[in-house]
Amino acid sequence: MPERFLAYEALLENYPQHHGKIRYTQIAPTSRGDVQAYQDIRHQLENAAGRINGRYGQLGWTPLYYLNQHFERKLLMKIFRYSDVGLVTPLRDGMNLVA
């Protein structure tokens, strides 16, 4: 997921005409929170989200929503329904079931 945040940050950097018009929402509930590698990734994501929102955010527009919590299926379906685009972007082939 850090790569996704970096790609979104590059989009905001290179295409400022999209500022205020797009939003990236990443829902990533903690799994295996006792594993150090997972904790490290969570901290990377939190830092990247803060950096991106601090650099590009404006009054009335938050460019990136990083939600580190579980959502009930019914609420997830509402979020998906109101989204214009959905991405499944596994880093390796065969990971699409968990991406």
PDB file of N, CA and C in Angstrom:
ATOM      1  N   MET A   1       0.791  -1.208   0.000  1.00  0.00           N
ATOM      2  CA  MET A   1       0.000   0.000   0.000  1.00  0.00           C
ATOM      3  C   MET A   1       0.836   1.277   0.000  1.00  0.00           C
ATOM      4  N   PRO A   2       2.028   1.260   0.591  1.00  0.00           N
ATOM      5  CA  PRO A   2       2.822   2.495   0.491  1.00  0.00           C
ATOM      6  C   PRO A   2       3.041   2.921  -0.956  1.00  0.00           C
ATOM      7  N   GLU A   3       3.185   1.957  -1.853  1.00  0.00           N
ATOM      8  CA  GLU A   3       3.374   2.279  -3.267  1.00  0.00           C
ATOM      9  C   GLU A   3       2.145   2.981  -3.846  1.00  0.00           C
ATOM     10  N   ARG A   4       0.969   2.601  -3.393  1.00  0.00           N
ATOM     11  CA  ARG A   4      -0.266   3.252  -3.857  1.00  0.00           C
ATOM     12  C   ARG A   4      -0.293   4.715  -3.424  1.00  0.00           C
ATOM     13  N   PHE A   5       0.091   4.957  -2.176  1.00  0.00           N
ATOM     14  CA  PHE A   5       0.112   6.333  -1.679  1.00  0.00           C
ATOM     15  C   PHE A   5       1.126   7.170  -2.458  1.00  0.00           C
ATOM     16  N   LEU A   6       2.287   6.585  -2.738  1.00  0.00           N
ATOM     17  CA  LEU A   6       3.305   7.307  -3.507  1.00  0.00           C
ATOM     18  C   LEU A   6       2.814   7.618  -4.915  1.00  0.00           C
ATOM     19  N   ALA A   7       2.105   6.678  -5.527  1.00  0.00           N
ATOM     20  CA  ALA A   7       1.565   6.911  -6.873  1.00  0.00           C
ATOM     21  C   ALA A   7       0.534   8.036  -6.845  1.00  0.00           C
ATOM     22  N   TYR A   8      -0.328   8.041  -5.831  1.00  0.00           N
ATOM     23  CA  TYR A   8      -1.329   9.100  -5.706  1.00  0.00           C
ATOM     24  C   TYR A   8      -0.655  10.454  -5.466  1.00  0.00           C
ATOM     25  N   GLU A   9       0.385  10.447  -4.657  1.00  0.00           N
ATOM     26  CA  GLU A   9       1.128  11.681  -4.400  1.00  0.00           C
ATOM     27  C   GLU A   9       1.755  12.207  -5.692  1.00  0.00           C
ATOM     28  N   ALA A  10       2.289  11.315  -6.512  1.00  0.00           N
ATOM     29  CA  ALA A  10       2.865  11.722  -7.800  1.00  0.00           C
ATOM     30  C   ALA A  10       1.790  12.299  -8.712  1.00  0.00           C
ATOM     31  N   LEU A  11       0.599  11.713  -8.689  1.00  0.00           N
ATOM     32  CA  LEU A  11      -0.507  12.242  -9.494  1.00  0.00           C
ATOM     33  C   LEU A  11      -0.834  13.670  -9.065  1.00  0.00           C
ATOM     34  N   LEU A  12      -0.919  13.894  -7.760  1.00  0.00           N
ATOM     35  CA  LEU A  12      -1.223  15.240  -7.268  1.00  0.00           C
ATOM     36  C   LEU A  12      -0.109  16.225  -7.618  1.00  0.00           C
ATOM     37  N   GLU A  13       1.121  15.763  -7.577  1.00  0.00           N
ATOM     38  CA  GLU A  13       2.265  16.615  -7.909  1.00  0.00           C
ATOM     39  C   GLU A  13       2.263  16.993  -9.389  1.00  0.00           C
ATOM     40  N   ASN A  14       2.013  16.020 -10.245  1.00  0.00           N
ATOM     41  CA  ASN A  14       2.143  16.218 -11.692  1.00  0.00           C
ATOM     42  C   ASN A  14       0.889  16.752 -12.377  1.00  0.00           C
ATOM     43  N   TYR A  15      -0.255  16.640 -11.730  1.00  0.00           N
ATOM     44  CA  TYR A  15      -1.517  17.071 -12.341  1.00  0.00           C
ATOM     45  C   TYR A  15      -2.319  17.926 -11.355  1.00  0.00           C
ATOM     46  N   PRO A  16      -1.846  19.132 -11.063  1.00  0.00           N
ATOM     47  CA  PRO A  16      -2.513  19.979 -10.072  1.00  0.00           C
ATOM     48  C   PRO A  16      -3.942  20.357 -10.452  1.00  0.00           C
ATOM     49  N   GLN A  17      -4.307  20.200 -11.711  1.00  0.00           N
ATOM     50  CA  GLN A  17      -5.678  20.512 -12.111  1.00  0.00           C
ATOM     51  C   GLN A  17      -6.695  19.575 -11.443  1.00  0.00           C
ATOM     52  N   HIS A  18      -6.234  18.481 -10.867  1.00  0.00           N
ATOM     53  CA  HIS A  18      -7.141  17.545 -10.196  1.00  0.00           C
ATOM     54  C   HIS A  18      -7.340  17.871  -8.710  1.00  0.00           C
ATOM     55  N   HIS A  19      -6.570  18.828  -8.202  1.00  0.00           N
ATOM     56  CA  HIS A  19      -6.716  19.186  -6.790  1.00  0.00           C
ATOM     57  C   HIS A  19      -8.148  19.634  -6.519  1.00  0.00           C
ATOM     58  N   GLY A  20      -8.715  19.134  -5.456  1.00  0.00           N
ATOM     59  CA  GLY A  20     -10.077  19.486  -5.084  1.00  0.00           C
ATOM     60  C   GLY A  20     -11.142  18.700  -5.817  1.00  0.00           C
ATOM     61  N   LYS A  21     -10.749  17.885  -6.790  1.00  0.00           N
ATOM     62  CA  LYS A  21     -11.721  17.153  -7.609  1.00  0.00           C
ATOM     63  C   LYS A  21     -11.709  15.648  -7.370  1.00  0.00           C
ATOM     64  N   ILE A  22     -10.616  15.136  -6.838  1.00  0.00           N
ATOM     65  CA  ILE A  22     -10.506  13.695  -6.618  1.00  0.00           C
ATOM     66  C   ILE A  22     -10.149  13.425  -5.165  1.00  0.00           C
ATOM     67  N   ARG A  23     -10.449  12.227  -4.715  1.00  0.00           N
ATOM     68  CA  ARG A  23     -10.105  11.817  -3.354  1.00  0.00           C
ATOM     69  C   ARG A  23      -9.773  10.335  -3.393  1.00  0.00           C
ATOM     70  N   TYR A  24      -8.729   9.971  -2.699  1.00  0.00           N
ATOM     71  CA  TYR A  24      -8.339   8.570  -2.566  1.00  0.00           C
ATOM     72  C   TYR A  24      -8.749   8.119  -1.176  1.00  0.00           C
ATOM     73  N   THR A  25      -9.566   7.074  -1.104  1.00  0.00           N
ATOM     74  CA  THR A  25      -9.963   6.484   0.167  1.00  0.00           C
ATOM     75  C   THR A  25      -9.349   5.098   0.258  1.00  0.00           C
ATOM     76  N   GLN A  26      -8.523   4.882   1.264  1.00  0.00           N
ATOM     77  CA  GLN A  26      -7.900   3.576   1.492  1.00  0.00           C
ATOM     78  C   GLN A  26      -8.449   3.014   2.789  1.00  0.00           C
ATOM     79  N   ILE A  27      -9.169   1.913   2.688  1.00  0.00           N
ATOM     80  CA  ILE A  27      -9.677   1.213   3.861  1.00  0.00           C
ATOM     81  C   ILE A  27      -8.749   0.034   4.101  1.00  0.00           C
ATOM     82  N   ALA A  28      -8.069   0.045   5.232  1.00  0.00           N
ATOM     83  CA  ALA A  28      -7.071  -0.988   5.518  1.00  0.00           C
ATOM     84  C   ALA A  28      -7.116  -1.366   6.991  1.00  0.00           C
ATOM     85  N   PRO A  29      -8.084  -2.210   7.372  1.00  0.00           N
ATOM     86  CA  PRO A  29      -8.143  -2.620   8.776  1.00  0.00           C
ATOM     87  C   PRO A  29      -6.894  -3.410   9.166  1.00  0.00           C
ATOM     88  N   THR A  30      -6.475  -3.235  10.397  1.00  0.00           N
ATOM     89  CA  THR A  30      -5.290  -3.919  10.888  1.00  0.00           C
ATOM     90  C   THR A  30      -5.529  -5.422  10.936  1.00  0.00           C
ATOM     91  N   SER A  31      -4.614  -6.148  10.345  1.00  0.00           N
ATOM     92  CA  SER A  31      -4.608  -7.601  10.501  1.00  0.00           C
ATOM     93  C   SER A  31      -3.226  -7.979  11.016  1.00  0.00           C
ATOM     94  N   ARG A  32      -3.178  -8.906  11.873  1.00  0.00           N
ATOM     95  CA  ARG A  32      -1.909  -9.341  12.480  1.00  0.00           C
ATOM     96  C   ARG A  32      -1.148  -8.152  13.068  1.00  0.00           C
ATOM     97  N   GLY A  33      -1.838  -7.391  13.890  1.00  0.00           N
ATOM     98  CA  GLY A  33      -1.250  -6.198  14.489  1.00  0.00           C
ATOM     99  C   GLY A  33      -0.065  -6.468  15.389  1.00  0.00           C
ATOM    100  N   ASP A  34       0.140  -7.724  15.754  1.00  0.00           N
ATOM    101  CA  ASP A  34       1.270  -8.071  16.611  1.00  0.00           C
ATOM    102  C   ASP A  34       2.556  -8.324  15.819  1.00  0.00           C
ATOM    103  N   VAL A  35       2.463  -8.342  14.494  1.00  0.00           N
ATOM    104  CA  VAL A  35       3.630  -8.577  13.639  1.00  0.00           C
ATOM    105  C   VAL A  35       4.314  -7.239  13.353  1.00  0.00           C
ATOM    106  N   GLN A  36       5.596  -7.158  13.652  1.00  0.00           N
ATOM    107  CA  GLN A  36       6.336  -5.904  13.514  1.00  0.00           C
ATOM    108  C   GLN A  36       6.297  -5.355  12.091  1.00  0.00           C
ATOM    109  N   ALA A  37       6.411  -6.222  11.094  1.00  0.00           N
ATOM    110  CA  ALA A  37       6.399  -5.757   9.696  1.00  0.00           C
ATOM    111  C   ALA A  37       5.079  -5.070   9.366  1.00  0.00           C
ATOM    112  N   TYR A  38       3.964  -5.586   9.887  1.00  0.00           N
ATOM    113  CA  TYR A  38       2.657  -4.971   9.648  1.00  0.00           C
ATOM    114  C   TYR A  38       2.553  -3.631  10.372  1.00  0.00           C
ATOM    115  N   GLN A  39       3.107  -3.563  11.576  1.00  0.00           N
ATOM    116  CA  GLN A  39       3.124  -2.302  12.316  1.00  0.00           C
ATOM    117  C   GLN A  39       3.940  -1.253  11.566  1.00  0.00           C
ATOM    118  N   ASP A  40       5.058  -1.677  11.000  1.00  0.00           N
ATOM    119  CA  ASP A  40       5.911  -0.756  10.240  1.00  0.00           C
ATOM    120  C   ASP A  40       5.177  -0.201   9.024  1.00  0.00           C
ATOM    121  N   ILE A  41       4.452  -1.064   8.320  1.00  0.00           N
ATOM    122  CA  ILE A  41       3.691  -0.615   7.148  1.00  0.00           C
ATOM    123  C   ILE A  41       2.609   0.369   7.571  1.00  0.00           C
ATOM    124  N   ARG A  42       1.911   0.055   8.670  1.00  0.00           N
ATOM    125  CA  ARG A  42       0.868   0.969   9.158  1.00  0.00           C
ATOM    126  C   ARG A  42       1.456   2.348   9.462  1.00  0.00           C
ATOM    127  N   HIS A  43       2.618   2.380  10.084  1.00  0.00           N
ATOM    128  CA  HIS A  43       3.264   3.666  10.393  1.00  0.00           C
ATOM    129  C   HIS A  43       3.680   4.397   9.116  1.00  0.00           C
ATOM    130  N   GLN A  44       4.166   3.663   8.119  1.00  0.00           N
ATOM    131  CA  GLN A  44       4.511   4.280   6.832  1.00  0.00           C
ATOM    132  C   GLN A  44       3.282   4.922   6.201  1.00  0.00           C
ATOM    133  N   LEU A  45       2.158   4.203   6.250  1.00  0.00           N
ATOM    134  CA  LEU A  45       0.922   4.720   5.662  1.00  0.00           C
ATOM    135  C   LEU A  45       0.430   5.954   6.407  1.00  0.00           C
ATOM    136  N   GLU A  46       0.484   5.909   7.725  1.00  0.00           N
ATOM    137  CA  GLU A  46       0.053   7.063   8.517  1.00  0.00           C
ATOM    138  C   GLU A  46       0.914   8.283   8.204  1.00  0.00           C
ATOM    139  N   ASN A  47       2.220   8.077   8.120  1.00  0.00           N
ATOM    140  CA  ASN A  47       3.126   9.189   7.802  1.00  0.00           C
ATOM    141  C   ASN A  47       2.881   9.731   6.399  1.00  0.00           C
ATOM    142  N   ALA A  48       2.712   8.835   5.430  1.00  0.00           N
ATOM    143  CA  ALA A  48       2.473   9.270   4.048  1.00  0.00           C
ATOM    144  C   ALA A  48       1.150  10.016   3.935  1.00  0.00           C
ATOM    145  N   ALA A  49       0.107   9.514   4.603  1.00  0.00           N
ATOM    146  CA  ALA A  49      -1.196  10.186   4.558  1.00  0.00           C
ATOM    147  C   ALA A  49      -1.085  11.592   5.141  1.00  0.00           C
ATOM    148  N   GLY A  50      -0.389  11.728   6.252  1.00  0.00           N
ATOM    149  CA  GLY A  50      -0.200  13.047   6.849  1.00  0.00           C
ATOM    150  C   GLY A  50       0.572  13.988   5.942  1.00  0.00           C
ATOM    151  N   ARG A  51       1.613  13.466   5.311  1.00  0.00           N
ATOM    152  CA  ARG A  51       2.419  14.284   4.399  1.00  0.00           C
ATOM    153  C   ARG A  51       1.591  14.752   3.202  1.00  0.00           C
ATOM    154  N   ILE A  52       0.855  13.828   2.589  1.00  0.00           N
ATOM    155  CA  ILE A  52       0.050  14.153   1.405  1.00  0.00           C
ATOM    156  C   ILE A  52      -1.042  15.148   1.761  1.00  0.00           C
ATOM    157  N   ASN A  53      -1.760  14.894   2.843  1.00  0.00           N
ATOM    158  CA  ASN A  53      -2.838  15.801   3.238  1.00  0.00           C
ATOM    159  C   ASN A  53      -2.295  17.160   3.664  1.00  0.00           C
ATOM    160  N   GLY A  54      -1.150  17.168   4.327  1.00  0.00           N
ATOM    161  CA  GLY A  54      -0.541  18.430   4.732  1.00  0.00           C
ATOM    162  C   GLY A  54      -0.055  19.253   3.552  1.00  0.00           C
ATOM    163  N   ARG A  55       0.450  18.583   2.552  1.00  0.00           N
ATOM    164  CA  ARG A  55       1.005  19.291   1.392  1.00  0.00           C
ATOM    165  C   ARG A  55      -0.069  19.754   0.416  1.00  0.00           C
ATOM    166  N   TYR A  56      -1.079  18.927   0.182  1.00  0.00           N
ATOM    167  CA  TYR A  56      -2.046  19.216  -0.878  1.00  0.00           C
ATOM    168  C   TYR A  56      -3.442  19.567  -0.375  1.00  0.00           C
ATOM    169  N   GLY A  57      -3.739  19.276   0.881  1.00  0.00           N
ATOM    170  CA  GLY A  57      -5.078  19.528   1.396  1.00  0.00           C
ATOM    171  C   GLY A  57      -5.436  21.002   1.383  1.00  0.00           C
ATOM    172  N   GLN A  58      -6.708  21.262   1.235  1.00  0.00           N
ATOM    173  CA  GLN A  58      -7.229  22.627   1.220  1.00  0.00           C
ATOM    174  C   GLN A  58      -8.459  22.674   2.113  1.00  0.00           C
ATOM    175  N   LEU A  59      -8.859  23.852   2.480  1.00  0.00           N
ATOM    176  CA  LEU A  59     -10.085  24.008   3.236  1.00  0.00           C
ATOM    177  C   LEU A  59     -11.224  23.403   2.428  1.00  0.00           C
ATOM    178  N   GLY A  60     -11.891  22.418   2.963  1.00  0.00           N
ATOM    179  CA  GLY A  60     -12.999  21.776   2.259  1.00  0.00           C
ATOM    180  C   GLY A  60     -12.601  20.587   1.404  1.00  0.00           C
ATOM    181  N   TRP A  61     -11.299  20.241   1.353  1.00  0.00           N
ATOM    182  CA  TRP A  61     -10.859  19.088   0.555  1.00  0.00           C
ATOM    183  C   TRP A  61      -9.692  18.390   1.237  1.00  0.00           C
ATOM    184  N   THR A  62      -9.919  17.144   1.557  1.00  0.00           N
ATOM    185  CA  THR A  62      -8.872  16.275   2.074  1.00  0.00           C
ATOM    186  C   THR A  62      -8.546  15.277   0.975  1.00  0.00           C
ATOM    187  N   PRO A  63      -7.341  15.314   0.425  1.00  0.00           N
ATOM    188  CA  PRO A  63      -7.038  14.472  -0.732  1.00  0.00           C
ATOM    189  C   PRO A  63      -7.013  12.980  -0.451  1.00  0.00           C
ATOM    190  N   LEU A  64      -6.660  12.571   0.779  1.00  0.00           N
ATOM    191  CA  LEU A  64      -6.508  11.148   1.066  1.00  0.00           C
ATOM    192  C   LEU A  64      -7.177  10.798   2.383  1.00  0.00           C
ATOM    193  N   TYR A  65      -8.066   9.837   2.340  1.00  0.00           N
ATOM    194  CA  TYR A  65      -8.663   9.284   3.557  1.00  0.00           C
ATOM    195  C   TYR A  65      -8.038   7.921   3.789  1.00  0.00           C
ATOM    196  N   TYR A  66      -7.315   7.772   4.876  1.00  0.00           N
ATOM    197  CA  TYR A  66      -6.736   6.481   5.262  1.00  0.00           C
ATOM    198  C   TYR A  66      -7.492   6.010   6.490  1.00  0.00           C
ATOM    199  N   LEU A  67      -8.255   4.950   6.336  1.00  0.00           N
ATOM    200  CA  LEU A  67      -9.115   4.444   7.401  1.00  0.00           C
ATOM    201  C   LEU A  67      -8.588   3.096   7.865  1.00  0.00           C
ATOM    202  N   ASN A  68      -7.996   3.078   9.043  1.00  0.00           N
ATOM    203  CA  ASN A  68      -7.399   1.876   9.611  1.00  0.00           C
ATOM    204  C   ASN A  68      -8.395   1.255  10.588  1.00  0.00           C
ATOM    205  N   GLN A  69      -9.526   0.813  10.035  1.00  0.00           N
ATOM    206  CA  GLN A  69     -10.569   0.214  10.868  1.00  0.00           C
ATOM    207  C   GLN A  69     -11.428  -0.714  10.031  1.00  0.00           C
ATOM    208  N   HIS A  70     -12.155  -1.562  10.726  1.00  0.00           N
ATOM    209  CA  HIS A  70     -13.050  -2.511  10.064  1.00  0.00           C
ATOM    210  C   HIS A  70     -14.408  -1.851   9.837  1.00  0.00           C
ATOM    211  N   PHE A  71     -15.015  -2.119   8.684  1.00  0.00           N
ATOM    212  CA  PHE A  71     -16.359  -1.640   8.379  1.00  0.00           C
ATOM    213  C   PHE A  71     -17.255  -2.835   8.095  1.00  0.00           C
ATOM    214  N   GLU A  72     -18.485  -2.739   8.542  1.00  0.00           N
ATOM    215  CA  GLU A  72     -19.455  -3.789   8.232  1.00  0.00           C
ATOM    216  C   GLU A  72     -19.691  -3.824   6.733  1.00  0.00           C
ATOM    217  N   ARG A  73     -20.007  -4.997   6.236  1.00  0.00           N
ATOM    218  CA  ARG A  73     -20.197  -5.213   4.798  1.00  0.00           C
ATOM    219  C   ARG A  73     -21.217  -4.237   4.198  1.00  0.00           C
ATOM    220  N   LYS A  74     -22.305  -3.993   4.904  1.00  0.00           N
ATOM    221  CA  LYS A  74     -23.356  -3.104   4.395  1.00  0.00           C
ATOM    222  C   LYS A  74     -22.821  -1.685   4.170  1.00  0.00           C
ATOM    223  N   LEU A  75     -22.031  -1.195   5.108  1.00  0.00           N
ATOM    224  CA  LEU A  75     -21.448   0.143   4.968  1.00  0.00           C
ATOM    225  C   LEU A  75     -20.403   0.165   3.849  1.00  0.00           C
ATOM    226  N   LEU A  76     -19.611  -0.897   3.739  1.00  0.00           N
ATOM    227  CA  LEU A  76     -18.641  -0.976   2.642  1.00  0.00           C
ATOM    228  C   LEU A  76     -19.336  -0.900   1.291  1.00  0.00           C
ATOM    229  N   MET A  77     -20.460  -1.569   1.156  1.00  0.00           N
ATOM    230  CA  MET A  77     -21.197  -1.540  -0.108  1.00  0.00           C
ATOM    231  C   MET A  77     -21.653  -0.118  -0.441  1.00  0.00           C
ATOM    232  N   LYS A  78     -22.051   0.648   0.568  1.00  0.00           N
ATOM    233  CA  LYS A  78     -22.434   2.047   0.335  1.00  0.00           C
ATOM    234  C   LYS A  78     -21.233   2.863  -0.138  1.00  0.00           C
ATOM    235  N   ILE A  79     -20.104   2.656   0.508  1.00  0.00           N
ATOM    236  CA  ILE A  79     -18.891   3.374   0.105  1.00  0.00           C
ATOM    237  C   ILE A  79     -18.551   3.042  -1.339  1.00  0.00           C
ATOM    238  N   PHE A  80     -18.601   1.765  -1.681  1.00  0.00           N
ATOM    239  CA  PHE A  80     -18.292   1.343  -3.052  1.00  0.00           C
ATOM    240  C   PHE A  80     -19.280   1.934  -4.048  1.00  0.00           C
ATOM    241  N   ARG A  81     -20.545   1.956  -3.677  1.00  0.00           N
ATOM    242  CA  ARG A  81     -21.586   2.453  -4.580  1.00  0.00           C
ATOM    243  C   ARG A  81     -21.384   3.938  -4.906  1.00  0.00           C
ATOM    244  N   TYR A  82     -20.908   4.719  -3.963  1.00  0.00           N
ATOM    245  CA  TYR A  82     -20.727   6.154  -4.185  1.00  0.00           C
ATOM    246  C   TYR A  82     -19.349   6.510  -4.737  1.00  0.00           C
ATOM    247  N   SER A  83     -18.532   5.499  -4.971  1.00  0.00           N
ATOM    248  CA  SER A  83     -17.202   5.727  -5.544  1.00  0.00           C
ATOM    249  C   SER A  83     -17.288   5.711  -7.062  1.00  0.00           C
ATOM    250  N   ASP A  84     -16.456   6.507  -7.694  1.00  0.00           N
ATOM    251  CA  ASP A  84     -16.394   6.517  -9.156  1.00  0.00           C
ATOM    252  C   ASP A  84     -15.451   5.452  -9.698  1.00  0.00           C
ATOM    253  N   VAL A  85     -14.424   5.118  -8.913  1.00  0.00           N
ATOM    254  CA  VAL A  85     -13.415   4.159  -9.359  1.00  0.00           C
ATOM    255  C   VAL A  85     -13.036   3.268  -8.186  1.00  0.00           C
ATOM    256  N   GLY A  86     -12.817   2.000  -8.467  1.00  0.00           N
ATOM    257  CA  GLY A  86     -12.300   1.064  -7.475  1.00  0.00           C
ATOM    258  C   GLY A  86     -11.084   0.363  -8.046  1.00  0.00           C
ATOM    259  N   LEU A  87     -10.075   0.171  -7.230  1.00  0.00           N
ATOM    260  CA  LEU A  87      -8.843  -0.463  -7.695  1.00  0.00           C
ATOM    261  C   LEU A  87      -8.492  -1.660  -6.830  1.00  0.00           C
ATOM    262  N   VAL A  88      -8.095  -2.727  -7.469  1.00  0.00           N
ATOM    263  CA  VAL A  88      -7.459  -3.855  -6.802  1.00  0.00           C
ATOM    264  C   VAL A  88      -6.085  -3.953  -7.427  1.00  0.00           C
ATOM    265  N   THR A  89      -5.065  -3.660  -6.639  1.00  0.00           N
ATOM    266  CA  THR A  89      -3.720  -3.546  -7.200  1.00  0.00           C
ATOM    267  C   THR A  89      -2.727  -4.390  -6.409  1.00  0.00           C
ATOM    268  N   PRO A  90      -2.747  -5.700  -6.590  1.00  0.00           N
ATOM    269  CA  PRO A  90      -1.765  -6.537  -5.891  1.00  0.00           C
ATOM    270  C   PRO A  90      -0.356  -6.283  -6.425  1.00  0.00           C
ATOM    271  N   LEU A  91       0.619  -6.414  -5.546  1.00  0.00           N
ATOM    272  CA  LEU A  91       2.006  -6.224  -5.967  1.00  0.00           C
ATOM    273  C   LEU A  91       2.546  -7.439  -6.705  1.00  0.00           C
ATOM    274  N   ARG A  92       1.972  -8.606  -6.415  1.00  0.00           N
ATOM    275  CA  ARG A  92       2.425  -9.836  -7.059  1.00  0.00           C
ATOM    276  C   ARG A  92       1.224 -10.616  -7.555  1.00  0.00           C
ATOM    277  N   ASP A  93       1.413 -11.346  -8.630  1.00  0.00           N
ATOM    278  CA  ASP A  93       0.354 -12.183  -9.174  1.00  0.00           C
ATOM    279  C   ASP A  93      -0.096 -13.187  -8.119  1.00  0.00           C
ATOM    280  N   GLY A  94      -1.396 -13.375  -8.014  1.00  0.00           N
ATOM    281  CA  GLY A  94      -1.942 -14.315  -7.050  1.00  0.00           C
ATOM    282  C   GLY A  94      -2.373 -13.677  -5.750  1.00  0.00           C
ATOM    283  N   MET A  95      -2.085 -12.390  -5.564  1.00  0.00           N
ATOM    284  CA  MET A  95      -2.450 -11.712  -4.321  1.00  0.00           C
ATOM    285  C   MET A  95      -3.780 -10.979  -4.427  1.00  0.00           C
ATOM    286  N   ASN A  96      -4.444 -11.045  -5.572  1.00  0.00           N
ATOM    287  CA  ASN A  96      -5.646 -10.244  -5.755  1.00  0.00           C
ATOM    288  C   ASN A  96      -6.762 -10.625  -4.798  1.00  0.00           C
ATOM    289  N   LEU A  97      -6.720 -11.806  -4.197  1.00  0.00           N
ATOM    290  CA  LEU A  97      -7.753 -12.191  -3.250  1.00  0.00           C
ATOM    291  C   LEU A  97      -7.596 -11.480  -1.914  1.00  0.00           C
ATOM    292  N   VAL A  98      -6.419 -10.960  -1.641  1.00  0.00           N
ATOM    293  CA  VAL A  98      -6.192 -10.277  -0.371  1.00  0.00           C
ATOM    294  C   VAL A  98      -5.885  -8.797  -0.538  1.00  0.00           C
ATOM    295  N   ALA A  99      -5.804  -8.325  -1.756  1.00  0.00           N
ATOM    296  CA  ALA A  99      -5.424  -6.921  -1.995  1.00  0.00           C
ATOM    297  C   ALA A  99      -6.512  -5.968  -1.564  1.00  0.00           C
TER     298      ALA A  99
END
